[in-house]
């Protein structure tokens, strides 16, 4: 009868430590990380003027600021306006984090900024901004100065005097008797006879006829 002590021990392979496995994995990861170059992004952080700004005063300088240093040869921005291209902004040198364009004279209208940024590792980013410049406001006319009290009093006195003169003239016209129209001269230059001048001779002639008739009638009766 076999005992436990007499049983053969099974053969075992080499025992691999878990620490060794982790060490190998770590080394491989570090090797991969060092073999692949670090990737960077020069992202736009701020702009002057800001995106979608509405400005009463047109800017003379446009500046874009990025999160990392730029490759100056591959980074730039272009400003477009109502009439087309306005100008191009660039970085001052490699590693600069800003691009700018100055000396601008912008008319009212809508503008866009098309930018391209290249990081030191060659990674490219692109984007577009916009802003607008409003029309200048027309100046309000200066208020007319109110007349002084002395000028107002003078104007009131003049108006009263004019009204009094008009009233006096109207009263005089009403009170004055109407003048008879002067008879127009006759054709031979002698003034035309009025109605009284014509009736008086007729009455005188009739009276004369009546007197003569009465005298004749009396003589007839006497004979």
C-alpha atoms as a PDB file:
ATOM      1  CA  UNK A   1       0.000   0.000   0.000  1.00  0.00           C
ATOM      2  CA  UNK A   2       1.506   3.284  -1.116  1.00  0.00           C
ATOM      3  CA  UNK A   3       1.841   6.107   1.309  1.00  0.00           C
ATOM      4  CA  UNK A   4       1.840   9.818   0.630  1.00  0.00           C
ATOM      5  CA  UNK A   5       5.551  10.002   1.257  1.00  0.00           C
ATOM      6  CA  UNK A   6       6.217   7.400  -1.423  1.00  0.00           C
ATOM      7  CA  UNK A   7       4.173   9.213  -4.182  1.00  0.00           C
ATOM      8  CA  UNK A   8       6.285  10.815  -6.970  1.00  0.00           C
ATOM      9  CA  UNK A   9       6.418  14.593  -7.009  1.00  0.00           C
ATOM     10  CA  UNK A  10       5.130  16.094 -10.335  1.00  0.00           C
ATOM     11  CA  UNK A  11       7.620  18.049 -12.365  1.00  0.00           C
ATOM     12  CA  UNK A  12       7.189  21.858 -12.231  1.00  0.00           C
ATOM     13  CA  UNK A  13       8.310  24.402 -14.817  1.00  0.00           C
ATOM     14  CA  UNK A  14      10.130  27.612 -13.995  1.00  0.00           C
ATOM     15  CA  UNK A  15       8.003  29.848 -11.830  1.00  0.00           C
ATOM     16  CA  UNK A  16       7.542  33.370 -13.283  1.00  0.00           C
ATOM     17  CA  UNK A  17       7.197  36.170 -10.754  1.00  0.00           C
ATOM     18  CA  UNK A  18       4.257  38.592 -11.209  1.00  0.00           C
ATOM     19  CA  UNK A  19       6.605  41.502 -10.490  1.00  0.00           C
ATOM     20  CA  UNK A  20       8.731  40.539 -13.450  1.00  0.00           C
ATOM     21  CA  UNK A  21       5.667  40.569 -15.732  1.00  0.00           C
ATOM     22  CA  UNK A  22       4.653  44.038 -14.548  1.00  0.00           C
ATOM     23  CA  UNK A  23       8.205  45.269 -15.007  1.00  0.00           C
ATOM     24  CA  UNK A  24       8.268  44.030 -18.604  1.00  0.00           C
ATOM     25  CA  UNK A  25       4.899  45.658 -19.395  1.00  0.00           C
ATOM     26  CA  UNK A  26       6.039  48.943 -17.880  1.00  0.00           C
ATOM     27  CA  UNK A  27       9.233  48.924 -19.905  1.00  0.00           C
ATOM     28  CA  UNK A  28       7.315  48.285 -23.106  1.00  0.00           C
ATOM     29  CA  UNK A  29       4.914  51.173 -22.357  1.00  0.00           C
ATOM     30  CA  UNK A  30       7.796  53.566 -21.683  1.00  0.00           C
ATOM     31  CA  UNK A  31       9.458  52.495 -24.895  1.00  0.00           C
ATOM     32  CA  UNK A  32       6.311  53.163 -26.899  1.00  0.00           C
ATOM     33  CA  UNK A  33       5.810  56.584 -25.343  1.00  0.00           C
ATOM     34  CA  UNK A  34       9.360  57.658 -26.084  1.00  0.00           C
ATOM     35  CA  UNK A  35       9.221  56.317 -29.617  1.00  0.00           C
ATOM     36  CA  UNK A  36       6.109  58.375 -30.556  1.00  0.00           C
ATOM     37  CA  UNK A  37       6.699  62.166 -30.605  1.00  0.00           C
ATOM     38  CA  UNK A  38       4.503  64.231 -28.347  1.00  0.00           C
ATOM     39  CA  UNK A  39       1.533  65.735 -30.196  1.00  0.00           C
ATOM     40  CA  UNK A  40       0.653  69.399 -29.411  1.00  0.00           C
ATOM     41  CA  UNK A  41      -2.155  71.722 -30.476  1.00  0.00           C
ATOM     42  CA  UNK A  42      -1.722  75.486 -30.855  1.00  0.00           C
ATOM     43  CA  UNK A  43      -5.358  76.278 -30.079  1.00  0.00           C
ATOM     44  CA  UNK A  44      -6.855  79.765 -30.244  1.00  0.00           C
ATOM     45  CA  UNK A  45      -7.496  81.092 -26.730  1.00  0.00           C
ATOM     46  CA  UNK A  46      -8.445  84.780 -27.231  1.00  0.00           C
ATOM     47  CA  UNK A  47      -8.898  87.311 -30.024  1.00  0.00           C
ATOM     48  CA  UNK A  48      -9.035  91.084 -30.240  1.00  0.00           C
ATOM     49  CA  UNK A  49     -11.666  91.968 -31.384  1.00  0.00           C
ATOM     50  CA  UNK A  50     -13.645  89.063 -29.907  1.00  0.00           C
ATOM     51  CA  UNK A  51     -15.577  86.671 -32.108  1.00  0.00           C
ATOM     52  CA  UNK A  52     -18.959  88.095 -33.302  1.00  0.00           C
ATOM     53  CA  UNK A  53     -18.217  91.520 -31.777  1.00  0.00           C
ATOM     54  CA  UNK A  54     -20.240  94.562 -32.971  1.00  0.00           C
ATOM     55  CA  UNK A  55     -17.984  97.635 -32.831  1.00  0.00           C
ATOM     56  CA  UNK A  56     -18.861 101.329 -32.986  1.00  0.00           C
ATOM     57  CA  UNK A  57     -15.183 102.211 -33.522  1.00  0.00           C
ATOM     58  CA  UNK A  58     -13.250 100.180 -36.133  1.00  0.00           C
ATOM     59  CA  UNK A  59     -10.106  98.428 -34.772  1.00  0.00           C
ATOM     60  CA  UNK A  60      -6.691  99.439 -36.093  1.00  0.00           C
ATOM     61  CA  UNK A  61      -5.003  96.196 -34.908  1.00  0.00           C
ATOM     62  CA  UNK A  62      -6.188  92.565 -34.867  1.00  0.00           C
ATOM     63  CA  UNK A  63      -4.439  90.109 -32.490  1.00  0.00           C
ATOM     64  CA  UNK A  64      -4.949  86.349 -32.039  1.00  0.00           C
ATOM     65  CA  UNK A  65      -3.473  84.507 -29.019  1.00  0.00           C
ATOM     66  CA  UNK A  66      -2.809  80.728 -28.952  1.00  0.00           C
ATOM     67  CA  UNK A  67      -2.198  78.106 -26.270  1.00  0.00           C
ATOM     68  CA  UNK A  68       1.296  77.081 -27.531  1.00  0.00           C
ATOM     69  CA  UNK A  69       4.215  78.462 -29.450  1.00  0.00           C
ATOM     70  CA  UNK A  70       3.691  78.758 -33.189  1.00  0.00           C
ATOM     71  CA  UNK A  71       5.658  77.798 -36.240  1.00  0.00           C
ATOM     72  CA  UNK A  72       5.910  81.293 -37.738  1.00  0.00           C
ATOM     73  CA  UNK A  73       6.417  80.008 -41.282  1.00  0.00           C
ATOM     74  CA  UNK A  74       3.177  78.004 -41.281  1.00  0.00           C
ATOM     75  CA  UNK A  75       0.933  80.147 -39.072  1.00  0.00           C
ATOM     76  CA  UNK A  76      -1.059  83.140 -40.330  1.00  0.00           C
ATOM     77  CA  UNK A  77      -4.528  84.672 -40.568  1.00  0.00           C
ATOM     78  CA  UNK A  78      -6.343  86.536 -43.343  1.00  0.00           C
ATOM     79  CA  UNK A  79      -8.866  89.357 -42.849  1.00  0.00           C
ATOM     80  CA  UNK A  80     -11.754  89.548 -45.345  1.00  0.00           C
ATOM     81  CA  UNK A  81     -14.098  92.550 -45.651  1.00  0.00           C
ATOM     82  CA  UNK A  82     -17.015  93.774 -47.805  1.00  0.00           C
ATOM     83  CA  UNK A  83     -14.612  94.626 -50.646  1.00  0.00           C
ATOM     84  CA  UNK A  84     -12.476  91.439 -50.383  1.00  0.00           C
ATOM     85  CA  UNK A  85      -9.127  90.689 -48.741  1.00  0.00           C
ATOM     86  CA  UNK A  86      -7.882  93.342 -46.270  1.00  0.00           C
ATOM     87  CA  UNK A  87      -4.520  91.934 -45.122  1.00  0.00           C
ATOM     88  CA  UNK A  88      -2.616  89.028 -43.561  1.00  0.00           C
ATOM     89  CA  UNK A  89      -1.426  88.684 -39.957  1.00  0.00           C
ATOM     90  CA  UNK A  90       1.584  86.587 -38.916  1.00  0.00           C
ATOM     91  CA  UNK A  91       3.594  85.514 -35.861  1.00  0.00           C
ATOM     92  CA  UNK A  92       6.662  87.610 -35.060  1.00  0.00           C
ATOM     93  CA  UNK A  93       8.954  84.550 -34.688  1.00  0.00           C
ATOM     94  CA  UNK A  94       8.974  80.800 -34.063  1.00  0.00           C
ATOM     95  CA  UNK A  95       7.642  80.046 -30.601  1.00  0.00           C
ATOM     96  CA  UNK A  96       5.518  83.223 -30.389  1.00  0.00           C
ATOM     97  CA  UNK A  97       2.008  82.628 -29.081  1.00  0.00           C
ATOM     98  CA  UNK A  98       0.384  85.572 -30.896  1.00  0.00           C
ATOM     99  CA  UNK A  99      -0.280  86.627 -34.480  1.00  0.00           C
ATOM    100  CA  UNK A 100      -1.220  90.237 -35.305  1.00  0.00           C
ATOM    101  CA  UNK A 101      -2.033  92.654 -38.123  1.00  0.00           C
ATOM    102  CA  UNK A 102      -1.875  96.417 -37.521  1.00  0.00           C
ATOM    103  CA  UNK A 103      -2.256  99.687 -39.464  1.00  0.00           C
ATOM    104  CA  UNK A 104      -5.861  98.899 -40.408  1.00  0.00           C
ATOM    105  CA  UNK A 105      -8.432 101.438 -41.615  1.00  0.00           C
ATOM    106  CA  UNK A 106     -11.759  99.623 -41.725  1.00  0.00           C
ATOM    107  CA  UNK A 107     -15.022 101.007 -43.113  1.00  0.00           C
ATOM    108  CA  UNK A 108     -18.428 100.042 -41.674  1.00  0.00           C
ATOM    109  CA  UNK A 109     -19.435  96.501 -42.639  1.00  0.00           C
ATOM    110  CA  UNK A 110     -19.004  92.799 -41.818  1.00  0.00           C
ATOM    111  CA  UNK A 111     -15.536  91.186 -41.532  1.00  0.00           C
ATOM    112  CA  UNK A 112     -14.155  87.652 -41.099  1.00  0.00           C
ATOM    113  CA  UNK A 113     -10.790  86.293 -39.865  1.00  0.00           C
ATOM    114  CA  UNK A 114      -9.618  82.961 -41.319  1.00  0.00           C
ATOM    115  CA  UNK A 115      -6.683  81.649 -39.232  1.00  0.00           C
ATOM    116  CA  UNK A 116      -4.241  78.732 -39.452  1.00  0.00           C
ATOM    117  CA  UNK A 117      -1.955  77.765 -36.554  1.00  0.00           C
ATOM    118  CA  UNK A 118       0.954  75.333 -36.755  1.00  0.00           C
ATOM    119  CA  UNK A 119       2.423  73.970 -33.506  1.00  0.00           C
ATOM    120  CA  UNK A 120       6.114  73.221 -33.047  1.00  0.00           C
ATOM    121  CA  UNK A 121       5.498  69.525 -33.809  1.00  0.00           C
ATOM    122  CA  UNK A 122       3.758  70.447 -37.092  1.00  0.00           C
ATOM    123  CA  UNK A 123       0.160  69.912 -35.954  1.00  0.00           C
ATOM    124  CA  UNK A 124      -2.209  72.237 -37.879  1.00  0.00           C
ATOM    125  CA  UNK A 125      -5.384  73.857 -36.556  1.00  0.00           C
ATOM    126  CA  UNK A 126      -7.764  76.124 -38.474  1.00  0.00           C
ATOM    127  CA  UNK A 127     -10.751  78.319 -37.623  1.00  0.00           C
ATOM    128  CA  UNK A 128     -12.823  81.374 -38.556  1.00  0.00           C
ATOM    129  CA  UNK A 129     -13.868  84.432 -36.525  1.00  0.00           C
ATOM    130  CA  UNK A 130     -16.161  87.327 -37.424  1.00  0.00           C
ATOM    131  CA  UNK A 131     -16.940  90.870 -36.304  1.00  0.00           C
ATOM    132  CA  UNK A 132     -18.713  93.938 -37.705  1.00  0.00           C
ATOM    133  CA  UNK A 133     -18.300  97.720 -37.632  1.00  0.00           C
ATOM    134  CA  UNK A 134     -21.463  99.843 -37.415  1.00  0.00           C
ATOM    135  CA  UNK A 135     -22.295 103.024 -39.310  1.00  0.00           C
ATOM    136  CA  UNK A 136     -21.412 106.239 -37.428  1.00  0.00           C
ATOM    137  CA  UNK A 137     -24.356 107.978 -35.793  1.00  0.00           C
ATOM    138  CA  UNK A 138     -25.419 111.351 -37.269  1.00  0.00           C
ATOM    139  CA  UNK A 139     -24.854 114.283 -34.921  1.00  0.00           C
ATOM    140  CA  UNK A 140     -28.032 115.683 -33.360  1.00  0.00           C
ATOM    141  CA  UNK A 141     -28.821 119.306 -34.324  1.00  0.00           C
ATOM    142  CA  UNK A 142     -28.099 121.874 -31.632  1.00  0.00           C
ATOM    143  CA  UNK A 143     -31.283 123.109 -29.901  1.00  0.00           C
ATOM    144  CA  UNK A 144     -32.431 126.604 -30.839  1.00  0.00           C
ATOM    145  CA  UNK A 145     -31.855 129.071 -28.034  1.00  0.00           C
ATOM    146  CA  UNK A 146     -35.041 130.409 -26.477  1.00  0.00           C
ATOM    147  CA  UNK A 147     -35.533 134.188 -26.879  1.00  0.00           C
ATOM    148  CA  UNK A 148     -34.584 136.301 -23.873  1.00  0.00           C
ATOM    149  CA  UNK A 149     -37.235 138.051 -21.823  1.00  0.00           C
ATOM    150  CA  UNK A 150     -36.351 141.469 -23.280  1.00  0.00           C
ATOM    151  CA  UNK A 151     -36.582 140.151 -26.838  1.00  0.00           C
ATOM    152  CA  UNK A 152     -39.900 138.472 -26.044  1.00  0.00           C
ATOM    153  CA  UNK A 153     -41.233 141.699 -24.504  1.00  0.00           C
ATOM    154  CA  UNK A 154     -40.137 143.707 -27.565  1.00  0.00           C
ATOM    155  CA  UNK A 155     -41.817 141.237 -29.892  1.00  0.00           C
ATOM    156  CA  UNK A 156     -45.012 141.345 -27.809  1.00  0.00           C
ATOM    157  CA  UNK A 157     -45.037 145.168 -27.820  1.00  0.00           C
ATOM    158  CA  UNK A 158     -44.516 145.267 -31.581  1.00  0.00           C
ATOM    159  CA  UNK A 159     -47.357 142.794 -32.092  1.00  0.00           C
ATOM    160  CA  UNK A 160     -49.670 144.878 -29.855  1.00  0.00           C
ATOM    161  CA  UNK A 161     -48.797 148.110 -31.706  1.00  0.00           C
ATOM    162  CA  UNK A 162     -49.444 146.441 -35.057  1.00  0.00           C
ATOM    163  CA  UNK A 163     -52.809 145.123 -33.864  1.00  0.00           C
ATOM    164  CA  UNK A 164     -53.793 148.586 -32.524  1.00  0.00           C
ATOM    165  CA  UNK A 165     -52.841 150.234 -35.828  1.00  0.00           C
ATOM    166  CA  UNK A 166     -54.884 147.699 -37.778  1.00  0.00           C
ATOM    167  CA  UNK A 167     -57.907 148.256 -35.508  1.00  0.00           C
ATOM    168  CA  UNK A 168     -57.619 152.075 -35.853  1.00  0.00           C
ATOM    169  CA  UNK A 169     -57.408 151.861 -39.634  1.00  0.00           C
ATOM    170  CA  UNK A 170     -60.468 149.621 -39.733  1.00  0.00           C
ATOM    171  CA  UNK A 171     -62.446 152.036 -37.520  1.00  0.00           C
ATOM    172  CA  UNK A 172     -61.470 155.006 -39.699  1.00  0.00           C
ATOM    173  CA  UNK A 173     -62.578 153.176 -42.811  1.00  0.00           C
ATOM    174  CA  UNK A 174     -65.985 152.406 -41.254  1.00  0.00           C
ATOM    175  CA  UNK A 175     -66.549 155.954 -39.899  1.00  0.00           C
ATOM    176  CA  UNK A 176     -65.539 157.806 -43.083  1.00  0.00           C
ATOM    177  CA  UNK A 177     -68.538 158.654 -45.367  1.00  0.00           C
ATOM    178  CA  UNK A 178     -68.558 157.104 -48.741  1.00  0.00           C
ATOM    179  CA  UNK A 179     -67.571 159.532 -51.466  1.00  0.00           C
ATOM    180  CA  UNK A 180     -69.908 159.797 -54.458  1.00  0.00           C
ATOM    181  CA  UNK A 181     -68.361 158.652 -57.609  1.00  0.00           C
ATOM    182  CA  UNK A 182     -67.261 161.510 -59.835  1.00  0.00           C
ATOM    183  CA  UNK A 183     -69.341 161.415 -63.031  1.00  0.00           C
ATOM    184  CA  UNK A 184     -67.384 160.422 -66.022  1.00  0.00           C
ATOM    185  CA  UNK A 185     -66.823 163.202 -68.558  1.00  0.00           C
ATOM    186  CA  UNK A 186     -68.975 163.186 -71.690  1.00  0.00           C
ATOM    187  CA  UNK A 187     -67.574 162.615 -75.071  1.00  0.00           C
ATOM    188  CA  UNK A 188     -67.017 166.380 -75.832  1.00  0.00           C
ATOM    189  CA  UNK A 189     -65.080 166.953 -72.696  1.00  0.00           C
ATOM    190  CA  UNK A 190     -67.973 168.699 -70.788  1.00  0.00           C
ATOM    191  CA  UNK A 191     -69.007 167.147 -67.516  1.00  0.00           C
ATOM    192  CA  UNK A 192     -72.196 165.102 -67.715  1.00  0.00           C
ATOM    193  CA  UNK A 193     -75.319 166.755 -66.205  1.00  0.00           C
ATOM    194  CA  UNK A 194     -76.584 165.373 -62.983  1.00  0.00           C
ATOM    195  CA  UNK A 195     -80.266 164.531 -62.372  1.00  0.00           C
ATOM    196  CA  UNK A 196     -80.922 167.864 -60.546  1.00  0.00           C
ATOM    197  CA  UNK A 197     -79.401 169.897 -63.381  1.00  0.00           C
ATOM    198  CA  UNK A 198     -81.803 168.283 -65.874  1.00  0.00           C
ATOM    199  CA  UNK A 199     -85.020 168.599 -63.778  1.00  0.00           C
ATOM    200  CA  UNK A 200     -84.636 172.270 -62.819  1.00  0.00           C
ATOM    201  CA  UNK A 201     -84.983 173.686 -66.392  1.00  0.00           C
ATOM    202  CA  UNK A 202     -87.945 171.380 -67.027  1.00  0.00           C
ATOM    203  CA  UNK A 203     -89.726 172.584 -63.895  1.00  0.00           C
ATOM    204  CA  UNK A 204     -88.941 176.195 -64.763  1.00  0.00           C
ATOM    205  CA  UNK A 205     -90.314 175.709 -68.292  1.00  0.00           C
ATOM    206  CA  UNK A 206     -93.525 174.102 -66.981  1.00  0.00           C
ATOM    207  CA  UNK A 207     -93.982 176.931 -64.495  1.00  0.00           C
ATOM    208  CA  UNK A 208     -93.480 179.464 -67.242  1.00  0.00           C
ATOM    209  CA  UNK A 209     -96.038 177.649 -69.444  1.00  0.00           C
ATOM    210  CA  UNK A 210     -98.522 177.570 -66.559  1.00  0.00           C
ATOM    211  CA  UNK A 211     -98.097 181.313 -65.915  1.00  0.00           C
ATOM    212  CA  UNK A 212     -98.524 182.153 -69.601  1.00  0.00           C
ATOM    213  CA  UNK A 213    -101.564 179.877 -69.832  1.00  0.00           C
ATOM    214  CA  UNK A 214    -103.195 181.467 -66.806  1.00  0.00           C
ATOM    215  CA  UNK A 215    -102.563 184.969 -68.192  1.00  0.00           C
ATOM    216  CA  UNK A 216    -104.056 184.026 -71.577  1.00  0.00           C
ATOM    217  CA  UNK A 217    -107.074 182.421 -69.923  1.00  0.00           C
ATOM    218  CA  UNK A 218    -107.708 185.512 -67.829  1.00  0.00           C
ATOM    219  CA  UNK A 219    -107.494 187.796 -70.882  1.00  0.00           C
ATOM    220  CA  UNK A 220    -109.971 185.569 -72.730  1.00  0.00           C
ATOM    221  CA  UNK A 221    -112.524 185.793 -69.980  1.00  0.00           C
ATOM    222  CA  UNK A 222    -112.215 189.546 -69.736  1.00  0.00           C
ATOM    223  CA  UNK A 223    -112.924 190.066 -73.436  1.00  0.00           C
END
